[in-house]
Amino acid sequence: MTAAPVIRAPRGKELAADVTAHGFASVNDWNAAITTVGLAYGAVTNHQADDVQGQIDDIEKDTSLDPAMKERMVASLKAMIPSPENRQIITELMKDEAYAAKLKLLDQEQ
């Protein structure tokens, strides 16, 4: 997500002001952070990284796919697997009641 569409949205300038007031350099940086936290939280609580790894394994075994396409697909999926360090950070944050309550908001569907 780039900041341009957000800034043009009716409340986009408010969002940009809010995220920068909370220490993010831009909406793009905020989006990257929340995406990273969301992926790590999903990996810890719902084992989503295991599902992604299964998809990678299936793609790598598929002999009908073009090698270049296979490489792009695998790279895209690997980007969805959080690092062990990020998983550990989320695990530690979940032990803190204040953070745990906020992290649980990631499970809510909009």
N, C-alpha and C. Protein backbone atom coordinates (compact mmCIF):
# COMPACT_ATOMS: atom_id res chain seq x y z
N MET A 1 0.85 -1.17 0.00
CA MET A 1 0.00 0.00 0.00
C MET A 1 0.89 1.22 0.00
N THR A 2 0.62 2.13 -0.91
CA THR A 2 1.35 3.39 -0.90
C THR A 2 0.48 4.45 -0.25
N ALA A 3 1.10 5.49 0.21
CA ALA A 3 0.39 6.53 0.94
C ALA A 3 -0.52 7.36 0.03
N ALA A 4 -0.21 7.44 -1.25
CA ALA A 4 -0.97 8.32 -2.13
C ALA A 4 -2.48 8.07 -2.10
N PRO A 5 -2.97 6.84 -2.28
CA PRO A 5 -4.42 6.63 -2.22
C PRO A 5 -5.00 6.95 -0.85
N VAL A 6 -4.25 6.68 0.19
CA VAL A 6 -4.73 6.96 1.54
C VAL A 6 -4.88 8.46 1.74
N ILE A 7 -3.91 9.21 1.32
CA ILE A 7 -3.95 10.66 1.48
C ILE A 7 -5.12 11.26 0.72
N ARG A 8 -5.46 10.68 -0.42
CA ARG A 8 -6.57 11.20 -1.23
C ARG A 8 -7.93 10.82 -0.66
N ALA A 9 -7.98 9.82 0.18
CA ALA A 9 -9.25 9.39 0.76
C ALA A 9 -9.77 10.50 1.69
N PRO A 10 -11.09 10.54 1.88
CA PRO A 10 -11.66 11.61 2.71
C PRO A 10 -11.00 11.77 4.08
N ARG A 11 -10.68 10.68 4.74
CA ARG A 11 -10.07 10.77 6.07
C ARG A 11 -8.60 10.39 6.04
N GLY A 12 -8.03 10.31 4.85
CA GLY A 12 -6.65 9.89 4.70
C GLY A 12 -5.64 10.77 5.40
N LYS A 13 -5.86 12.07 5.35
CA LYS A 13 -4.92 12.99 6.02
C LYS A 13 -4.97 12.79 7.53
N GLU A 14 -6.14 12.47 8.05
CA GLU A 14 -6.24 12.19 9.49
C GLU A 14 -5.45 10.94 9.84
N LEU A 15 -5.58 9.91 9.03
CA LEU A 15 -4.83 8.68 9.27
C LEU A 15 -3.34 8.95 9.21
N ALA A 16 -2.90 9.66 8.19
CA ALA A 16 -1.48 9.98 8.06
C ALA A 16 -0.98 10.77 9.26
N ALA A 17 -1.77 11.71 9.74
CA ALA A 17 -1.38 12.48 10.92
C ALA A 17 -1.31 11.59 12.16
N ASP A 18 -2.28 10.69 12.29
CA ASP A 18 -2.28 9.78 13.44
C ASP A 18 -1.05 8.87 13.44
N VAL A 19 -0.74 8.28 12.30
CA VAL A 19 0.39 7.34 12.29
C VAL A 19 1.72 8.06 12.50
N THR A 20 1.86 9.24 11.96
CA THR A 20 3.11 9.97 12.19
C THR A 20 3.19 10.47 13.63
N ALA A 21 2.04 10.80 14.24
CA ALA A 21 2.04 11.21 15.64
C ALA A 21 2.45 10.07 16.56
N HIS A 22 2.26 8.83 16.10
CA HIS A 22 2.64 7.66 16.90
C HIS A 22 4.03 7.14 16.53
N GLY A 23 4.79 7.93 15.81
CA GLY A 23 6.19 7.59 15.58
C GLY A 23 6.53 6.94 14.25
N PHE A 24 5.54 6.71 13.41
CA PHE A 24 5.83 6.13 12.10
C PHE A 24 6.20 7.23 11.13
N ALA A 25 7.13 6.95 10.24
CA ALA A 25 7.57 7.95 9.27
C ALA A 25 6.49 8.22 8.23
N SER A 26 5.68 7.21 7.96
CA SER A 26 4.67 7.35 6.91
C SER A 26 3.60 6.27 7.06
N VAL A 27 2.55 6.40 6.28
CA VAL A 27 1.52 5.37 6.25
C VAL A 27 2.12 4.06 5.74
N ASN A 28 3.05 4.15 4.81
CA ASN A 28 3.70 2.94 4.29
C ASN A 28 4.44 2.21 5.41
N ASP A 29 5.17 2.95 6.24
CA ASP A 29 5.89 2.32 7.35
C ASP A 29 4.92 1.69 8.35
N TRP A 30 3.85 2.39 8.65
CA TRP A 30 2.83 1.85 9.56
C TRP A 30 2.24 0.57 8.98
N ASN A 31 1.92 0.58 7.69
CA ASN A 31 1.34 -0.59 7.04
C ASN A 31 2.31 -1.78 7.10
N ALA A 32 3.58 -1.52 6.85
CA ALA A 32 4.57 -2.61 6.91
C ALA A 32 4.65 -3.18 8.33
N ALA A 33 4.60 -2.31 9.33
CA ALA A 33 4.68 -2.77 10.72
C ALA A 33 3.45 -3.60 11.09
N ILE A 34 2.26 -3.13 10.76
CA ILE A 34 1.06 -3.86 11.16
C ILE A 34 0.95 -5.18 10.39
N THR A 35 1.41 -5.20 9.16
CA THR A 35 1.40 -6.44 8.38
C THR A 35 2.37 -7.45 8.99
N THR A 36 3.56 -6.98 9.38
CA THR A 36 4.55 -7.86 9.99
C THR A 36 4.03 -8.42 11.31
N VAL A 37 3.43 -7.57 12.13
CA VAL A 37 2.87 -8.03 13.41
C VAL A 37 1.75 -9.03 13.15
N GLY A 38 0.89 -8.72 12.19
CA GLY A 38 -0.23 -9.62 11.89
C GLY A 38 0.23 -10.99 11.42
N LEU A 39 1.23 -11.03 10.57
CA LEU A 39 1.75 -12.31 10.09
C LEU A 39 2.40 -13.10 11.22
N ALA A 40 3.16 -12.41 12.06
CA ALA A 40 3.81 -13.10 13.17
C ALA A 40 2.77 -13.60 14.18
N TYR A 41 1.76 -12.81 14.45
CA TYR A 41 0.71 -13.21 15.39
C TYR A 41 -0.04 -14.44 14.85
N GLY A 42 -0.36 -14.41 13.56
CA GLY A 42 -1.04 -15.55 12.94
C GLY A 42 -0.19 -16.80 12.97
N ALA A 43 1.11 -16.64 12.80
CA ALA A 43 2.02 -17.80 12.84
C ALA A 43 2.06 -18.41 14.23
N VAL A 44 2.03 -17.55 15.25
CA VAL A 44 2.12 -18.04 16.62
C VAL A 44 0.79 -18.64 17.08
N THR A 45 -0.31 -17.97 16.77
CA THR A 45 -1.60 -18.40 17.32
C THR A 45 -2.34 -19.41 16.46
N ASN A 46 -2.19 -19.32 15.16
CA ASN A 46 -2.97 -20.17 14.26
C ASN A 46 -2.12 -21.06 13.37
N HIS A 47 -0.83 -21.04 13.58
CA HIS A 47 0.11 -21.86 12.79
C HIS A 47 -0.03 -21.60 11.29
N GLN A 48 -0.31 -20.33 10.94
CA GLN A 48 -0.48 -19.99 9.53
C GLN A 48 0.79 -20.21 8.72
N ALA A 49 1.94 -20.07 9.34
CA ALA A 49 3.20 -20.28 8.61
C ALA A 49 3.31 -21.72 8.14
N ASP A 50 2.75 -22.65 8.92
CA ASP A 50 2.76 -24.06 8.51
C ASP A 50 1.94 -24.26 7.24
N ASP A 51 0.80 -23.57 7.18
CA ASP A 51 -0.05 -23.65 5.99
C ASP A 51 0.68 -23.09 4.77
N VAL A 52 1.35 -21.96 4.97
CA VAL A 52 2.10 -21.34 3.88
C VAL A 52 3.23 -22.26 3.43
N GLN A 53 3.93 -22.86 4.38
CA GLN A 53 5.02 -23.78 4.03
C GLN A 53 4.48 -24.97 3.24
N GLY A 54 3.30 -25.43 3.59
CA GLY A 54 2.67 -26.52 2.83
C GLY A 54 2.40 -26.12 1.39
N GLN A 55 1.96 -24.88 1.20
CA GLN A 55 1.73 -24.38 -0.16
C GLN A 55 3.04 -24.31 -0.93
N ILE A 56 4.09 -23.86 -0.26
CA ILE A 56 5.41 -23.79 -0.90
C ILE A 56 5.85 -25.18 -1.32
N ASP A 57 5.70 -26.14 -0.43
CA ASP A 57 6.09 -27.52 -0.74
C ASP A 57 5.32 -28.04 -1.95
N ASP A 58 4.02 -27.75 -2.01
CA ASP A 58 3.20 -28.20 -3.15
C ASP A 58 3.68 -27.57 -4.45
N ILE A 59 3.99 -26.29 -4.41
CA ILE A 59 4.46 -25.59 -5.61
C ILE A 59 5.79 -26.16 -6.07
N GLU A 60 6.69 -26.37 -5.12
CA GLU A 60 8.01 -26.90 -5.48
C GLU A 60 7.94 -28.29 -6.09
N LYS A 61 6.95 -29.08 -5.71
CA LYS A 61 6.78 -30.43 -6.25
C LYS A 61 6.08 -30.44 -7.61
N ASP A 62 5.40 -29.35 -7.93
CA ASP A 62 4.60 -29.29 -9.15
C ASP A 62 5.50 -29.15 -10.37
N THR A 63 5.55 -30.20 -11.18
CA THR A 63 6.42 -30.19 -12.36
C THR A 63 5.77 -29.49 -13.56
N SER A 64 4.50 -29.16 -13.46
CA SER A 64 3.81 -28.52 -14.59
C SER A 64 4.01 -27.01 -14.61
N LEU A 65 4.53 -26.44 -13.54
CA LEU A 65 4.71 -24.98 -13.48
C LEU A 65 6.00 -24.56 -14.16
N ASP A 66 5.93 -23.42 -14.83
CA ASP A 66 7.10 -22.80 -15.42
C ASP A 66 8.08 -22.46 -14.29
N PRO A 67 9.36 -22.79 -14.44
CA PRO A 67 10.32 -22.53 -13.36
C PRO A 67 10.36 -21.08 -12.88
N ALA A 68 10.26 -20.13 -13.79
CA ALA A 68 10.28 -18.71 -13.40
C ALA A 68 9.03 -18.36 -12.58
N MET A 69 7.88 -18.89 -13.01
CA MET A 69 6.63 -18.66 -12.28
C MET A 69 6.71 -19.31 -10.90
N LYS A 70 7.24 -20.52 -10.86
CA LYS A 70 7.38 -21.25 -9.60
C LYS A 70 8.25 -20.43 -8.63
N GLU A 71 9.34 -19.89 -9.13
CA GLU A 71 10.25 -19.10 -8.30
C GLU A 71 9.55 -17.87 -7.74
N ARG A 72 8.77 -17.17 -8.57
CA ARG A 72 8.04 -15.99 -8.11
C ARG A 72 6.99 -16.35 -7.06
N MET A 73 6.28 -17.45 -7.30
CA MET A 73 5.25 -17.88 -6.36
C MET A 73 5.86 -18.24 -5.01
N VAL A 74 6.94 -18.99 -5.03
CA VAL A 74 7.61 -19.40 -3.80
C VAL A 74 8.14 -18.17 -3.05
N ALA A 75 8.73 -17.24 -3.77
CA ALA A 75 9.26 -16.02 -3.13
C ALA A 75 8.14 -15.23 -2.47
N SER A 76 6.99 -15.13 -3.14
CA SER A 76 5.86 -14.40 -2.57
C SER A 76 5.36 -15.07 -1.30
N LEU A 77 5.29 -16.38 -1.32
CA LEU A 77 4.82 -17.10 -0.15
C LEU A 77 5.84 -17.05 1.00
N LYS A 78 7.12 -17.14 0.68
CA LYS A 78 8.14 -17.08 1.72
C LYS A 78 8.11 -15.74 2.46
N ALA A 79 7.72 -14.68 1.74
CA ALA A 79 7.62 -13.36 2.37
C ALA A 79 6.52 -13.32 3.44
N MET A 80 5.62 -14.30 3.41
CA MET A 80 4.53 -14.36 4.37
C MET A 80 4.90 -15.15 5.63
N ILE A 81 6.08 -15.71 5.67
CA ILE A 81 6.52 -16.48 6.84
C ILE A 81 7.38 -15.57 7.71
N PRO A 82 6.91 -15.29 8.93
CA PRO A 82 7.67 -14.39 9.79
C PRO A 82 8.96 -15.03 10.29
N SER A 83 9.91 -14.18 10.59
CA SER A 83 11.20 -14.67 11.10
C SER A 83 11.02 -15.27 12.50
N PRO A 84 11.93 -16.14 12.88
CA PRO A 84 11.87 -16.68 14.26
C PRO A 84 11.93 -15.56 15.31
N GLU A 85 12.68 -14.51 15.01
CA GLU A 85 12.78 -13.39 15.95
C GLU A 85 11.43 -12.70 16.12
N ASN A 86 10.71 -12.49 15.02
CA ASN A 86 9.40 -11.85 15.11
C ASN A 86 8.40 -12.74 15.84
N ARG A 87 8.49 -14.03 15.62
CA ARG A 87 7.61 -14.95 16.36
C ARG A 87 7.91 -14.89 17.86
N GLN A 88 9.18 -14.81 18.21
CA GLN A 88 9.56 -14.74 19.62
C GLN A 88 9.06 -13.44 20.26
N ILE A 89 9.18 -12.35 19.53
CA ILE A 89 8.69 -11.06 20.05
C ILE A 89 7.20 -11.14 20.32
N ILE A 90 6.44 -11.69 19.39
CA ILE A 90 4.99 -11.81 19.58
C ILE A 90 4.69 -12.72 20.76
N THR A 91 5.41 -13.82 20.88
CA THR A 91 5.21 -14.74 22.00
C THR A 91 5.42 -14.02 23.33
N GLU A 92 6.46 -13.21 23.40
CA GLU A 92 6.73 -12.46 24.63
C GLU A 92 5.66 -11.40 24.88
N LEU A 93 5.24 -10.70 23.83
CA LEU A 93 4.21 -9.67 23.99
C LEU A 93 2.88 -10.27 24.45
N MET A 94 2.59 -11.49 24.02
CA MET A 94 1.34 -12.14 24.41
C MET A 94 1.31 -12.45 25.91
N LYS A 95 2.45 -12.48 26.56
CA LYS A 95 2.51 -12.72 28.00
C LYS A 95 2.15 -11.48 28.81
N ASP A 96 2.19 -10.32 28.18
CA ASP A 96 1.86 -9.05 28.82
C ASP A 96 0.38 -8.75 28.56
N GLU A 97 -0.41 -8.62 29.61
CA GLU A 97 -1.86 -8.46 29.45
C GLU A 97 -2.23 -7.28 28.56
N ALA A 98 -1.52 -6.18 28.70
CA ALA A 98 -1.85 -4.99 27.91
C ALA A 98 -1.64 -5.25 26.42
N TYR A 99 -0.53 -5.87 26.08
CA TYR A 99 -0.27 -6.17 24.68
C TYR A 99 -1.14 -7.32 24.18
N ALA A 100 -1.37 -8.31 25.02
CA ALA A 100 -2.17 -9.47 24.61
C ALA A 100 -3.56 -9.03 24.16
N ALA A 101 -4.16 -8.13 24.89
CA ALA A 101 -5.50 -7.64 24.53
C ALA A 101 -5.48 -6.94 23.17
N LYS A 102 -4.44 -6.17 22.93
CA LYS A 102 -4.33 -5.47 21.65
C LYS A 102 -4.06 -6.44 20.50
N LEU A 103 -3.22 -7.43 20.76
CA LEU A 103 -2.92 -8.42 19.72
C LEU A 103 -4.16 -9.23 19.35
N LYS A 104 -5.02 -9.51 20.32
CA LYS A 104 -6.24 -10.28 20.04
C LYS A 104 -7.15 -9.54 19.06
N LEU A 105 -7.01 -8.24 18.97
CA LEU A 105 -7.79 -7.48 18.00
C LEU A 105 -7.48 -7.91 16.56
N LEU A 106 -6.29 -8.48 16.37
CA LEU A 106 -5.91 -8.96 15.03
C LEU A 106 -6.76 -10.15 14.59
N ASP A 107 -7.37 -10.85 15.55
CA ASP A 107 -8.23 -12.00 15.23
C ASP A 107 -9.64 -11.59 14.81
N GLN A 108 -9.99 -10.36 15.10
CA GLN A 108 -11.35 -9.91 14.79
C GLN A 108 -11.50 -9.64 13.31
N GLU A 109 -12.59 -10.10 12.75
CA GLU A 109 -12.87 -9.84 11.35
C GLU A 109 -13.66 -8.56 11.24
N GLN A 110 -13.33 -7.80 10.25
CA GLN A 110 -14.02 -6.51 10.05
C GLN A 110 -15.25 -6.67 9.20
